[in-house]
Amino acid sequence: MAEIKELTRRVMKFRDERDWKQFHNPKDVAISLTLEAAELLEHFQWKTPKEISAHIKAGREEISDELADVFYWVLVLGKDLGIDISAALKKKLLKNAVKYPVSKSKGRITKYNKL
């Protein structure tokens, strides 16, 4: 949790040094998050499992950069909306544990309402 707070502090410092907060409303930050997630998806689009495995090895740094970009925007949106990302994830994991009990969901990809 302390590391998430430190990363958030560093992201906000980066943004503030550039005076970019003025451009960061929730809609545009959410759009940026989605665009970065789409750039991550491009690394896997139209590839077979074998091609993906090779691409992960060859393109590890680029994939890492895209994941970092997604995480950047998650931290920005969380901070701007006053949402503690660590607490939100912990709470969501508890909710998911109820929706997807091990006894019903282990080894299955079935959505919770169909278990």
PDB file of N, CA and C in Angstrom:
ATOM      1  N   MET A   1       0.825  -1.196   0.000  1.00  0.00           N
ATOM      2  CA  MET A   1       0.000   0.000   0.000  1.00  0.00           C
ATOM      3  C   MET A   1       0.870   1.261   0.000  1.00  0.00           C
ATOM      4  N   ALA A   2       1.941   1.246   0.780  1.00  0.00           N
ATOM      5  CA  ALA A   2       2.832   2.401   0.820  1.00  0.00           C
ATOM      6  C   ALA A   2       3.446   2.652  -0.550  1.00  0.00           C
ATOM      7  N   GLU A   3       3.746   1.570  -1.269  1.00  0.00           N
ATOM      8  CA  GLU A   3       4.335   1.739  -2.588  1.00  0.00           C
ATOM      9  C   GLU A   3       3.340   2.373  -3.566  1.00  0.00           C
ATOM     10  N   ILE A   4       2.077   2.010  -3.482  1.00  0.00           N
ATOM     11  CA  ILE A   4       1.057   2.625  -4.342  1.00  0.00           C
ATOM     12  C   ILE A   4       0.963   4.125  -4.043  1.00  0.00           C
ATOM     13  N   LYS A   5       0.990   4.472  -2.773  1.00  0.00           N
ATOM     14  CA  LYS A   5       0.938   5.902  -2.408  1.00  0.00           C
ATOM     15  C   LYS A   5       2.154   6.647  -2.943  1.00  0.00           C
ATOM     16  N   GLU A   6       3.320   6.033  -2.857  1.00  0.00           N
ATOM     17  CA  GLU A   6       4.539   6.657  -3.375  1.00  0.00           C
ATOM     18  C   GLU A   6       4.477   6.792  -4.891  1.00  0.00           C
ATOM     19  N   LEU A   7       4.009   5.774  -5.581  1.00  0.00           N
ATOM     20  CA  LEU A   7       3.864   5.859  -7.037  1.00  0.00           C
ATOM     21  C   LEU A   7       2.856   6.945  -7.420  1.00  0.00           C
ATOM     22  N   THR A   8       1.771   7.022  -6.674  1.00  0.00           N
ATOM     23  CA  THR A   8       0.770   8.065  -6.941  1.00  0.00           C
ATOM     24  C   THR A   8       1.387   9.442  -6.738  1.00  0.00           C
ATOM     25  N   ARG A   9       2.153   9.604  -5.682  1.00  0.00           N
ATOM     26  CA  ARG A   9       2.817  10.884  -5.416  1.00  0.00           C
ATOM     27  C   ARG A   9       3.735  11.248  -6.579  1.00  0.00           C
ATOM     28  N   ARG A  10       4.486  10.282  -7.069  1.00  0.00           N
ATOM     29  CA  ARG A  10       5.408  10.538  -8.182  1.00  0.00           C
ATOM     30  C   ARG A  10       4.666  10.875  -9.472  1.00  0.00           C
ATOM     31  N   VAL A  11       3.561  10.192  -9.727  1.00  0.00           N
ATOM     32  CA  VAL A  11       2.748  10.483 -10.908  1.00  0.00           C
ATOM     33  C   VAL A  11       2.182  11.898 -10.825  1.00  0.00           C
ATOM     34  N   MET A  12       1.679  12.276  -9.656  1.00  0.00           N
ATOM     35  CA  MET A  12       1.122  13.624  -9.491  1.00  0.00           C
ATOM     36  C   MET A  12       2.215  14.689  -9.640  1.00  0.00           C
ATOM     37  N   LYS A  13       3.397  14.416  -9.117  1.00  0.00           N
ATOM     38  CA  LYS A  13       4.525  15.340  -9.259  1.00  0.00           C
ATOM     39  C   LYS A  13       4.873  15.514 -10.729  1.00  0.00           C
ATOM     40  N   PHE A  14       4.946  14.403 -11.452  1.00  0.00           N
ATOM     41  CA  PHE A  14       5.225  14.449 -12.885  1.00  0.00           C
ATOM     42  C   PHE A  14       4.202  15.326 -13.605  1.00  0.00           C
ATOM     43  N   ARG A  15       2.921  15.084 -13.295  1.00  0.00           N
ATOM     44  CA  ARG A  15       1.854  15.863 -13.928  1.00  0.00           C
ATOM     45  C   ARG A  15       1.934  17.329 -13.547  1.00  0.00           C
ATOM     46  N   ASP A  16       2.113  17.588 -12.254  1.00  0.00           N
ATOM     47  CA  ASP A  16       2.099  18.972 -11.782  1.00  0.00           C
ATOM     48  C   ASP A  16       3.273  19.782 -12.309  1.00  0.00           C
ATOM     49  N   GLU A  17       4.439  19.152 -12.458  1.00  0.00           N
ATOM     50  CA  GLU A  17       5.596  19.855 -13.009  1.00  0.00           C
ATOM     51  C   GLU A  17       5.342  20.329 -14.434  1.00  0.00           C
ATOM     52  N   ARG A  18       4.444  19.669 -15.118  1.00  0.00           N
ATOM     53  CA  ARG A  18       4.128  20.011 -16.506  1.00  0.00           C
ATOM     54  C   ARG A  18       2.836  20.822 -16.644  1.00  0.00           C
ATOM     55  N   ASP A  19       2.196  21.091 -15.520  1.00  0.00           N
ATOM     56  CA  ASP A  19       0.939  21.848 -15.496  1.00  0.00           C
ATOM     57  C   ASP A  19      -0.125  21.197 -16.373  1.00  0.00           C
ATOM     58  N   TRP A  20      -0.244  19.870 -16.253  1.00  0.00           N
ATOM     59  CA  TRP A  20      -1.207  19.130 -17.057  1.00  0.00           C
ATOM     60  C   TRP A  20      -2.535  18.884 -16.352  1.00  0.00           C
ATOM     61  N   LYS A  21      -2.605  19.169 -15.063  1.00  0.00           N
ATOM     62  CA  LYS A  21      -3.856  18.915 -14.338  1.00  0.00           C
ATOM     63  C   LYS A  21      -5.026  19.645 -14.999  1.00  0.00           C
ATOM     64  N   GLN A  22      -4.753  20.800 -15.562  1.00  0.00           N
ATOM     65  CA  GLN A  22      -5.802  21.581 -16.212  1.00  0.00           C
ATOM     66  C   GLN A  22      -6.498  20.812 -17.342  1.00  0.00           C
ATOM     67  N   PHE A  23      -5.838  19.817 -17.888  1.00  0.00           N
ATOM     68  CA  PHE A  23      -6.400  19.033 -18.986  1.00  0.00           C
ATOM     69  C   PHE A  23      -7.040  17.727 -18.506  1.00  0.00           C
ATOM     70  N   HIS A  24      -6.913  17.446 -17.212  1.00  0.00           N
ATOM     71  CA  HIS A  24      -7.301  16.144 -16.692  1.00  0.00           C
ATOM     72  C   HIS A  24      -8.643  16.160 -15.969  1.00  0.00           C
ATOM     73  N   ASN A  25      -9.693  16.085 -16.734  1.00  0.00           N
ATOM     74  CA  ASN A  25     -11.022  15.887 -16.149  1.00  0.00           C
ATOM     75  C   ASN A  25     -11.309  14.385 -16.208  1.00  0.00           C
ATOM     76  N   PRO A  26     -12.238  13.901 -15.391  1.00  0.00           N
ATOM     77  CA  PRO A  26     -12.472  12.444 -15.343  1.00  0.00           C
ATOM     78  C   PRO A  26     -12.764  11.811 -16.699  1.00  0.00           C
ATOM     79  N   LYS A  27     -13.508  12.492 -17.547  1.00  0.00           N
ATOM     80  CA  LYS A  27     -13.827  11.921 -18.861  1.00  0.00           C
ATOM     81  C   LYS A  27     -12.565  11.713 -19.687  1.00  0.00           C
ATOM     82  N   ASP A  28     -11.734  12.728 -19.782  1.00  0.00           N
ATOM     83  CA  ASP A  28     -10.544  12.625 -20.625  1.00  0.00           C
ATOM     84  C   ASP A  28      -9.502  11.677 -20.038  1.00  0.00           C
ATOM     85  N   VAL A  29      -9.408  11.615 -18.718  1.00  0.00           N
ATOM     86  CA  VAL A  29      -8.488  10.665 -18.094  1.00  0.00           C
ATOM     87  C   VAL A  29      -8.975   9.239 -18.348  1.00  0.00           C
ATOM     88  N   ALA A  30     -10.280   9.010 -18.233  1.00  0.00           N
ATOM     89  CA  ALA A  30     -10.828   7.682 -18.518  1.00  0.00           C
ATOM     90  C   ALA A  30     -10.613   7.302 -19.984  1.00  0.00           C
ATOM     91  N   ILE A  31     -10.746   8.264 -20.874  1.00  0.00           N
ATOM     92  CA  ILE A  31     -10.475   8.017 -22.296  1.00  0.00           C
ATOM     93  C   ILE A  31      -9.005   7.644 -22.482  1.00  0.00           C
ATOM     94  N   SER A  32      -8.111   8.381 -21.838  1.00  0.00           N
ATOM     95  CA  SER A  32      -6.683   8.082 -21.952  1.00  0.00           C
ATOM     96  C   SER A  32      -6.372   6.688 -21.427  1.00  0.00           C
ATOM     97  N   LEU A  33      -6.994   6.308 -20.330  1.00  0.00           N
ATOM     98  CA  LEU A  33      -6.824   4.965 -19.771  1.00  0.00           C
ATOM     99  C   LEU A  33      -7.258   3.909 -20.784  1.00  0.00           C
ATOM    100  N   THR A  34      -8.391   4.130 -21.400  1.00  0.00           N
ATOM    101  CA  THR A  34      -8.917   3.189 -22.387  1.00  0.00           C
ATOM    102  C   THR A  34      -8.025   3.117 -23.626  1.00  0.00           C
ATOM    103  N   LEU A  35      -7.535   4.257 -24.066  1.00  0.00           N
ATOM    104  CA  LEU A  35      -6.646   4.271 -25.229  1.00  0.00           C
ATOM    105  C   LEU A  35      -5.347   3.510 -24.955  1.00  0.00           C
ATOM    106  N   GLU A  36      -4.805   3.697 -23.768  1.00  0.00           N
ATOM    107  CA  GLU A  36      -3.576   2.968 -23.417  1.00  0.00           C
ATOM    108  C   GLU A  36      -3.849   1.465 -23.319  1.00  0.00           C
ATOM    109  N   ALA A  37      -5.011   1.098 -22.776  1.00  0.00           N
ATOM    110  CA  ALA A  37      -5.372  -0.325 -22.713  1.00  0.00           C
ATOM    111  C   ALA A  37      -5.506  -0.892 -24.125  1.00  0.00           C
ATOM    112  N   ALA A  38      -6.040  -0.092 -25.048  1.00  0.00           N
ATOM    113  CA  ALA A  38      -6.156  -0.538 -26.441  1.00  0.00           C
ATOM    114  C   ALA A  38      -4.782  -0.719 -27.075  1.00  0.00           C
ATOM    115  N   GLU A  39      -3.832   0.157 -26.734  1.00  0.00           N
ATOM    116  CA  GLU A  39      -2.473   0.001 -27.252  1.00  0.00           C
ATOM    117  C   GLU A  39      -1.843  -1.287 -26.713  1.00  0.00           C
ATOM    118  N   LEU A  40      -2.156  -1.634 -25.494  1.00  0.00           N
ATOM    119  CA  LEU A  40      -1.700  -2.904 -24.935  1.00  0.00           C
ATOM    120  C   LEU A  40      -2.308  -4.071 -25.725  1.00  0.00           C
ATOM    121  N   LEU A  41      -3.585  -3.985 -26.011  1.00  0.00           N
ATOM    122  CA  LEU A  41      -4.259  -5.042 -26.771  1.00  0.00           C
ATOM    123  C   LEU A  41      -3.666  -5.252 -28.157  1.00  0.00           C
ATOM    124  N   GLU A  42      -3.191  -4.182 -28.759  1.00  0.00           N
ATOM    125  CA  GLU A  42      -2.612  -4.301 -30.100  1.00  0.00           C
ATOM    126  C   GLU A  42      -1.442  -5.278 -30.150  1.00  0.00           C
ATOM    127  N   HIS A  43      -0.764  -5.445 -29.029  1.00  0.00           N
ATOM    128  CA  HIS A  43       0.361  -6.379 -28.994  1.00  0.00           C
ATOM    129  C   HIS A  43      -0.083  -7.829 -29.186  1.00  0.00           C
ATOM    130  N   PHE A  44      -1.350  -8.107 -28.928  1.00  0.00           N
ATOM    131  CA  PHE A  44      -1.847  -9.481 -28.966  1.00  0.00           C
ATOM    132  C   PHE A  44      -2.856  -9.736 -30.086  1.00  0.00           C
ATOM    133  N   GLN A  45      -3.353  -8.665 -30.674  1.00  0.00           N
ATOM    134  CA  GLN A  45      -4.379  -8.791 -31.704  1.00  0.00           C
ATOM    135  C   GLN A  45      -3.874  -9.597 -32.901  1.00  0.00           C
ATOM    136  N   TRP A  46      -4.704 -10.504 -33.367  1.00  0.00           N
ATOM    137  CA  TRP A  46      -4.499 -11.309 -34.564  1.00  0.00           C
ATOM    138  C   TRP A  46      -3.336 -12.292 -34.453  1.00  0.00           C
ATOM    139  N   LYS A  47      -2.852 -12.528 -33.262  1.00  0.00           N
ATOM    140  CA  LYS A  47      -1.743 -13.463 -33.091  1.00  0.00           C
ATOM    141  C   LYS A  47      -2.245 -14.788 -32.528  1.00  0.00           C
ATOM    142  N   THR A  48      -1.635 -15.854 -32.962  1.00  0.00           N
ATOM    143  CA  THR A  48      -1.925 -17.178 -32.409  1.00  0.00           C
ATOM    144  C   THR A  48      -1.245 -17.275 -31.038  1.00  0.00           C
ATOM    145  N   PRO A  49      -1.639 -18.258 -30.222  1.00  0.00           N
ATOM    146  CA  PRO A  49      -0.946 -18.425 -28.935  1.00  0.00           C
ATOM    147  C   PRO A  49       0.575 -18.561 -29.087  1.00  0.00           C
ATOM    148  N   LYS A  50       1.032 -19.256 -30.106  1.00  0.00           N
ATOM    149  CA  LYS A  50       2.470 -19.405 -30.343  1.00  0.00           C
ATOM    150  C   LYS A  50       3.106 -18.064 -30.689  1.00  0.00           C
ATOM    151  N   GLU A  51       2.441 -17.298 -31.535  1.00  0.00           N
ATOM    152  CA  GLU A  51       2.957 -15.970 -31.912  1.00  0.00           C
ATOM    153  C   GLU A  51       2.967 -15.037 -30.706  1.00  0.00           C
ATOM    154  N   ILE A  52       1.947 -15.135 -29.868  1.00  0.00           N
ATOM    155  CA  ILE A  52       1.891 -14.300 -28.667  1.00  0.00           C
ATOM    156  C   ILE A  52       3.065 -14.613 -27.756  1.00  0.00           C
ATOM    157  N   SER A  53       3.340 -15.881 -27.568  1.00  0.00           N
ATOM    158  CA  SER A  53       4.458 -16.289 -26.709  1.00  0.00           C
ATOM    159  C   SER A  53       5.769 -15.693 -27.216  1.00  0.00           C
ATOM    160  N   ALA A  54       5.993 -15.769 -28.517  1.00  0.00           N
ATOM    161  CA  ALA A  54       7.209 -15.200 -29.101  1.00  0.00           C
ATOM    162  C   ALA A  54       7.220 -13.681 -28.980  1.00  0.00           C
ATOM    163  N   HIS A  55       6.064 -13.070 -29.205  1.00  0.00           N
ATOM    164  CA  HIS A  55       5.982 -11.607 -29.139  1.00  0.00           C
ATOM    165  C   HIS A  55       6.232 -11.099 -27.717  1.00  0.00           C
ATOM    166  N   ILE A  56       5.759 -11.810 -26.722  1.00  0.00           N
ATOM    167  CA  ILE A  56       5.980 -11.406 -25.334  1.00  0.00           C
ATOM    168  C   ILE A  56       7.482 -11.363 -25.042  1.00  0.00           C
ATOM    169  N   LYS A  57       8.207 -12.335 -25.556  1.00  0.00           N
ATOM    170  CA  LYS A  57       9.661 -12.346 -25.357  1.00  0.00           C
ATOM    171  C   LYS A  57      10.334 -11.207 -26.117  1.00  0.00           C
ATOM    172  N   ALA A  58       9.956 -11.027 -27.358  1.00  0.00           N
ATOM    173  CA  ALA A  58      10.596 -10.015 -28.202  1.00  0.00           C
ATOM    174  C   ALA A  58      10.158  -8.592 -27.861  1.00  0.00           C
ATOM    175  N   GLY A  59       8.896  -8.449 -27.452  1.00  0.00           N
ATOM    176  CA  GLY A  59       8.345  -7.118 -27.214  1.00  0.00           C
ATOM    177  C   GLY A  59       8.106  -6.799 -25.750  1.00  0.00           C
ATOM    178  N   ARG A  60       8.832  -7.455 -24.878  1.00  0.00           N
ATOM    179  CA  ARG A  60       8.608  -7.318 -23.437  1.00  0.00           C
ATOM    180  C   ARG A  60       8.662  -5.859 -22.970  1.00  0.00           C
ATOM    181  N   GLU A  61       9.645  -5.105 -23.432  1.00  0.00           N
ATOM    182  CA  GLU A  61       9.766  -3.711 -22.995  1.00  0.00           C
ATOM    183  C   GLU A  61       8.589  -2.871 -23.471  1.00  0.00           C
ATOM    184  N   GLU A  62       8.169  -3.057 -24.710  1.00  0.00           N
ATOM    185  CA  GLU A  62       7.029  -2.297 -25.229  1.00  0.00           C
ATOM    186  C   GLU A  62       5.740  -2.653 -24.482  1.00  0.00           C
ATOM    187  N   ILE A  63       5.552  -3.936 -24.215  1.00  0.00           N
ATOM    188  CA  ILE A  63       4.375  -4.375 -23.457  1.00  0.00           C
ATOM    189  C   ILE A  63       4.424  -3.801 -22.046  1.00  0.00           C
ATOM    190  N   SER A  64       5.592  -3.832 -21.446  1.00  0.00           N
ATOM    191  CA  SER A  64       5.782  -3.260 -20.117  1.00  0.00           C
ATOM    192  C   SER A  64       5.439  -1.772 -20.104  1.00  0.00           C
ATOM    193  N   ASP A  65       5.872  -1.060 -21.132  1.00  0.00           N
ATOM    194  CA  ASP A  65       5.564   0.374 -21.233  1.00  0.00           C
ATOM    195  C   ASP A  65       4.062   0.610 -21.302  1.00  0.00           C
ATOM    196  N   GLU A  66       3.367  -0.214 -22.072  1.00  0.00           N
ATOM    197  CA  GLU A  66       1.909  -0.045 -22.188  1.00  0.00           C
ATOM    198  C   GLU A  66       1.215  -0.341 -20.864  1.00  0.00           C
ATOM    199  N   LEU A  67       1.647  -1.389 -20.174  1.00  0.00           N
ATOM    200  CA  LEU A  67       1.078  -1.679 -18.848  1.00  0.00           C
ATOM    201  C   LEU A  67       1.325  -0.518 -17.886  1.00  0.00           C
ATOM    202  N   ALA A  68       2.518   0.049 -17.957  1.00  0.00           N
ATOM    203  CA  ALA A  68       2.842   1.192 -17.105  1.00  0.00           C
ATOM    204  C   ALA A  68       1.956   2.391 -17.446  1.00  0.00           C
ATOM    205  N   ASP A  69       1.699   2.607 -18.731  1.00  0.00           N
ATOM    206  CA  ASP A  69       0.813   3.708 -19.130  1.00  0.00           C
ATOM    207  C   ASP A  69      -0.595   3.511 -18.585  1.00  0.00           C
ATOM    208  N   VAL A  70      -1.096   2.286 -18.648  1.00  0.00           N
ATOM    209  CA  VAL A  70      -2.424   1.991 -18.098  1.00  0.00           C
ATOM    210  C   VAL A  70      -2.437   2.283 -16.597  1.00  0.00           C
ATOM    211  N   PHE A  71      -1.429   1.803 -15.901  1.00  0.00           N
ATOM    212  CA  PHE A  71      -1.339   1.994 -14.455  1.00  0.00           C
ATOM    213  C   PHE A  71      -1.221   3.476 -14.101  1.00  0.00           C
ATOM    214  N   TYR A  72      -0.470   4.235 -14.888  1.00  0.00           N
ATOM    215  CA  TYR A  72      -0.353   5.680 -14.705  1.00  0.00           C
ATOM    216  C   TYR A  72      -1.740   6.323 -14.659  1.00  0.00           C
ATOM    217  N   TRP A  73      -2.556   6.005 -15.668  1.00  0.00           N
ATOM    218  CA  TRP A  73      -3.877   6.622 -15.736  1.00  0.00           C
ATOM    219  C   TRP A  73      -4.812   6.122 -14.633  1.00  0.00           C
ATOM    220  N   VAL A  74      -4.651   4.871 -14.215  1.00  0.00           N
ATOM    221  CA  VAL A  74      -5.429   4.364 -13.075  1.00  0.00           C
ATOM    222  C   VAL A  74      -5.095   5.182 -11.831  1.00  0.00           C
ATOM    223  N   LEU A  75      -3.812   5.433 -11.610  1.00  0.00           N
ATOM    224  CA  LEU A  75      -3.405   6.211 -10.438  1.00  0.00           C
ATOM    225  C   LEU A  75      -3.896   7.653 -10.523  1.00  0.00           C
ATOM    226  N   VAL A  76      -3.809   8.253 -11.703  1.00  0.00           N
ATOM    227  CA  VAL A  76      -4.299   9.629 -11.871  1.00  0.00           C
ATOM    228  C   VAL A  76      -5.794   9.695 -11.584  1.00  0.00           C
ATOM    229  N   LEU A  77      -6.573   8.802 -12.173  1.00  0.00           N
ATOM    230  CA  LEU A  77      -8.021   8.833 -11.990  1.00  0.00           C
ATOM    231  C   LEU A  77      -8.394   8.566 -10.536  1.00  0.00           C
ATOM    232  N   GLY A  78      -7.729   7.596  -9.935  1.00  0.00           N
ATOM    233  CA  GLY A  78      -7.996   7.318  -8.531  1.00  0.00           C
ATOM    234  C   GLY A  78      -7.734   8.526  -7.650  1.00  0.00           C
ATOM    235  N   LYS A  79      -6.605   9.164  -7.856  1.00  0.00           N
ATOM    236  CA  LYS A  79      -6.249  10.351  -7.054  1.00  0.00           C
ATOM    237  C   LYS A  79      -7.249  11.476  -7.289  1.00  0.00           C
ATOM    238  N   ASP A  80      -7.544  11.759  -8.546  1.00  0.00           N
ATOM    239  CA  ASP A  80      -8.455  12.865  -8.871  1.00  0.00           C
ATOM    240  C   ASP A  80      -9.865  12.630  -8.343  1.00  0.00           C
ATOM    241  N   LEU A  81     -10.287  11.369  -8.274  1.00  0.00           N
ATOM    242  CA  LEU A  81     -11.633  11.059  -7.779  1.00  0.00           C
ATOM    243  C   LEU A  81     -11.656  10.767  -6.283  1.00  0.00           C
ATOM    244  N   GLY A  82     -10.490  10.813  -5.650  1.00  0.00           N
ATOM    245  CA  GLY A  82     -10.428  10.547  -4.219  1.00  0.00           C
ATOM    246  C   GLY A  82     -10.677   9.087  -3.878  1.00  0.00           C
ATOM    247  N   ILE A  83     -10.254   8.201  -4.757  1.00  0.00           N
ATOM    248  CA  ILE A  83     -10.441   6.757  -4.541  1.00  0.00           C
ATOM    249  C   ILE A  83      -9.090   6.146  -4.199  1.00  0.00           C
ATOM    250  N   ASP A  84      -9.030   5.490  -3.062  1.00  0.00           N
ATOM    251  CA  ASP A  84      -7.834   4.767  -2.648  1.00  0.00           C
ATOM    252  C   ASP A  84      -7.809   3.454  -3.432  1.00  0.00           C
ATOM    253  N   ILE A  85      -6.919   3.368  -4.400  1.00  0.00           N
ATOM    254  CA  ILE A  85      -6.879   2.222  -5.302  1.00  0.00           C
ATOM    255  C   ILE A  85      -6.623   0.921  -4.544  1.00  0.00           C
ATOM    256  N   SER A  86      -5.728   0.954  -3.572  1.00  0.00           N
ATOM    257  CA  SER A  86      -5.442  -0.257  -2.780  1.00  0.00           C
ATOM    258  C   SER A  86      -6.690  -0.724  -2.050  1.00  0.00           C
ATOM    259  N   ALA A  87      -7.376   0.194  -1.393  1.00  0.00           N
ATOM    260  CA  ALA A  87      -8.593  -0.158  -0.650  1.00  0.00           C
ATOM    261  C   ALA A  87      -9.683  -0.631  -1.606  1.00  0.00           C
ATOM    262  N   ALA A  88      -9.802   0.023  -2.755  1.00  0.00           N
ATOM    263  CA  ALA A  88     -10.824  -0.357  -3.734  1.00  0.00           C
ATOM    264  C   ALA A  88     -10.574  -1.774  -4.255  1.00  0.00           C
ATOM    265  N   LEU A  89      -9.318  -2.099  -4.516  1.00  0.00           N
ATOM    266  CA  LEU A  89      -9.004  -3.438  -5.015  1.00  0.00           C
ATOM    267  C   LEU A  89      -9.274  -4.497  -3.946  1.00  0.00           C
ATOM    268  N   LYS A  90      -8.894  -4.221  -2.726  1.00  0.00           N
ATOM    269  CA  LYS A  90      -9.157  -5.171  -1.637  1.00  0.00           C
ATOM    270  C   LYS A  90     -10.657  -5.422  -1.479  1.00  0.00           C
ATOM    271  N   LYS A  91     -11.438  -4.349  -1.535  1.00  0.00           N
ATOM    272  CA  LYS A  91     -12.894  -4.470  -1.411  1.00  0.00           C
ATOM    273  C   LYS A  91     -13.477  -5.262  -2.582  1.00  0.00           C
ATOM    274  N   LYS A  92     -12.971  -4.998  -3.779  1.00  0.00           N
ATOM    275  CA  LYS A  92     -13.465  -5.692  -4.964  1.00  0.00           C
ATOM    276  C   LYS A  92     -13.110  -7.178  -4.917  1.00  0.00           C
ATOM    277  N   LEU A  93     -11.927  -7.514  -4.412  1.00  0.00           N
ATOM    278  CA  LEU A  93     -11.555  -8.919  -4.271  1.00  0.00           C
ATOM    279  C   LEU A  93     -12.507  -9.648  -3.325  1.00  0.00           C
ATOM    280  N   LEU A  94     -12.922  -8.981  -2.257  1.00  0.00           N
ATOM    281  CA  LEU A  94     -13.881  -9.583  -1.333  1.00  0.00           C
ATOM    282  C   LEU A  94     -15.227  -9.811  -2.026  1.00  0.00           C
ATOM    283  N   LYS A  95     -15.675  -8.832  -2.785  1.00  0.00           N
ATOM    284  CA  LYS A  95     -16.930  -8.974  -3.538  1.00  0.00           C
ATOM    285  C   LYS A  95     -16.833 -10.127  -4.536  1.00  0.00           C
ATOM    286  N   ASN A  96     -15.700 -10.205  -5.236  1.00  0.00           N
ATOM    287  CA  ASN A  96     -15.526 -11.266  -6.227  1.00  0.00           C
ATOM    288  C   ASN A  96     -15.455 -12.642  -5.588  1.00  0.00           C
ATOM    289  N   ALA A  97     -14.910 -12.712  -4.372  1.00  0.00           N
ATOM    290  CA  ALA A  97     -14.857 -14.001  -3.666  1.00  0.00           C
ATOM    291  C   ALA A  97     -16.255 -14.520  -3.377  1.00  0.00           C
ATOM    292  N   VAL A  98     -17.192 -13.612  -3.117  1.00  0.00           N
ATOM    293  CA  VAL A  98     -18.585 -14.004  -2.887  1.00  0.00           C
ATOM    294  C   VAL A  98     -19.237 -14.400  -4.215  1.00  0.00           C
ATOM    295  N   LYS A  99     -18.987 -13.620  -5.261  1.00  0.00           N
ATOM    296  CA  LYS A  99     -19.579 -13.893  -6.571  1.00  0.00           C
ATOM    297  C   LYS A  99     -19.016 -15.155  -7.210  1.00  0.00           C
ATOM    298  N   TYR A 100     -17.758 -15.437  -6.929  1.00  0.00           N
ATOM    299  CA  TYR A 100     -17.075 -16.582  -7.537  1.00  0.00           C
ATOM    300  C   TYR A 100     -16.488 -17.491  -6.455  1.00  0.00           C
ATOM    301  N   PRO A 101     -17.338 -18.194  -5.717  1.00  0.00           N
ATOM    302  CA  PRO A 101     -16.802 -19.101  -4.698  1.00  0.00           C
ATOM    303  C   PRO A 101     -15.976 -20.203  -5.366  1.00  0.00           C
ATOM    304  N   VAL A 102     -14.891 -20.571  -4.700  1.00  0.00           N
ATOM    305  CA  VAL A 102     -13.991 -21.581  -5.252  1.00  0.00           C
ATOM    306  C   VAL A 102     -14.746 -22.859  -5.603  1.00  0.00           C
ATOM    307  N   SER A 103     -15.663 -23.246  -4.735  1.00  0.00           N
ATOM    308  CA  SER A 103     -16.387 -24.509  -4.945  1.00  0.00           C
ATOM    309  C   SER A 103     -17.186 -24.527  -6.250  1.00  0.00           C
ATOM    310  N   LYS A 104     -17.593 -23.373  -6.734  1.00  0.00           N
ATOM    311  CA  LYS A 104     -18.383 -23.311  -7.966  1.00  0.00           C
ATOM    312  C   LYS A 104     -17.580 -22.848  -9.176  1.00  0.00           C
ATOM    313  N   SER A 105     -16.519 -22.100  -8.955  1.00  0.00           N
ATOM    314  CA  SER A 105     -15.858 -21.455 -10.082  1.00  0.00           C
ATOM    315  C   SER A 105     -14.470 -21.992 -10.416  1.00  0.00           C
ATOM    316  N   LYS A 106     -13.903 -22.808  -9.575  1.00  0.00           N
ATOM    317  CA  LYS A 106     -12.541 -23.291  -9.818  1.00  0.00           C
ATOM    318  C   LYS A 106     -12.452 -24.028 -11.154  1.00  0.00           C
ATOM    319  N   GLY A 107     -11.537 -23.542 -11.985  1.00  0.00           N
ATOM    320  CA  GLY A 107     -11.301 -24.168 -13.281  1.00  0.00           C
ATOM    321  C   GLY A 107     -12.353 -23.852 -14.335  1.00  0.00           C
ATOM    322  N   ARG A 108     -13.249 -22.921 -14.040  1.00  0.00           N
ATOM    323  CA  ARG A 108     -14.329 -22.590 -14.989  1.00  0.00           C
ATOM    324  C   ARG A 108     -14.227 -21.120 -15.373  1.00  0.00           C
ATOM    325  N   ILE A 109     -14.696 -20.786 -16.556  1.00  0.00           N
ATOM    326  CA  ILE A 109     -14.718 -19.400 -17.003  1.00  0.00           C
ATOM    327  C   ILE A 109     -16.131 -18.823 -16.990  1.00  0.00           C
ATOM    328  N   THR A 110     -17.040 -19.537 -16.394  1.00  0.00           N
ATOM    329  CA  THR A 110     -18.451 -19.162 -16.363  1.00  0.00           C
ATOM    330  C   THR A 110     -18.642 -17.893 -15.546  1.00  0.00           C
ATOM    331  N   LYS A 111     -19.472 -16.978 -16.075  1.00  0.00           N
ATOM    332  CA  LYS A 111     -19.778 -15.759 -15.346  1.00  0.00           C
ATOM    333  C   LYS A 111     -20.568 -16.105 -14.080  1.00  0.00           C
ATOM    334  N   TYR A 112     -20.388 -15.270 -13.045  1.00  0.00           N
ATOM    335  CA  TYR A 112     -20.964 -15.545 -11.727  1.00  0.00           C
ATOM    336  C   TYR A 112     -22.465 -15.818 -11.752  1.00  0.00           C
ATOM    337  N   ASN A 113     -23.206 -15.144 -12.623  1.00  0.00           N
ATOM    338  CA  ASN A 113     -24.664 -15.320 -12.639  1.00  0.00           C
ATOM    339  C   ASN A 113     -25.092 -16.604 -13.361  1.00  0.00           C
ATOM    340  N   LYS A 114     -24.135 -17.339 -13.864  1.00  0.00           N
ATOM    341  CA  LYS A 114     -24.430 -18.600 -14.544  1.00  0.00           C
ATOM    342  C   LYS A 114     -23.852 -19.810 -13.798  1.00  0.00           C
ATOM    343  N   LEU A 115     -23.218 -19.577 -12.673  1.00  0.00           N
ATOM    344  CA  LEU A 115     -22.616 -20.682 -11.915  1.00  0.00           C
ATOM    345  C   LEU A 115     -23.666 -21.546 -11.271  1.00  0.00           C
TER     346      LEU A 115
END
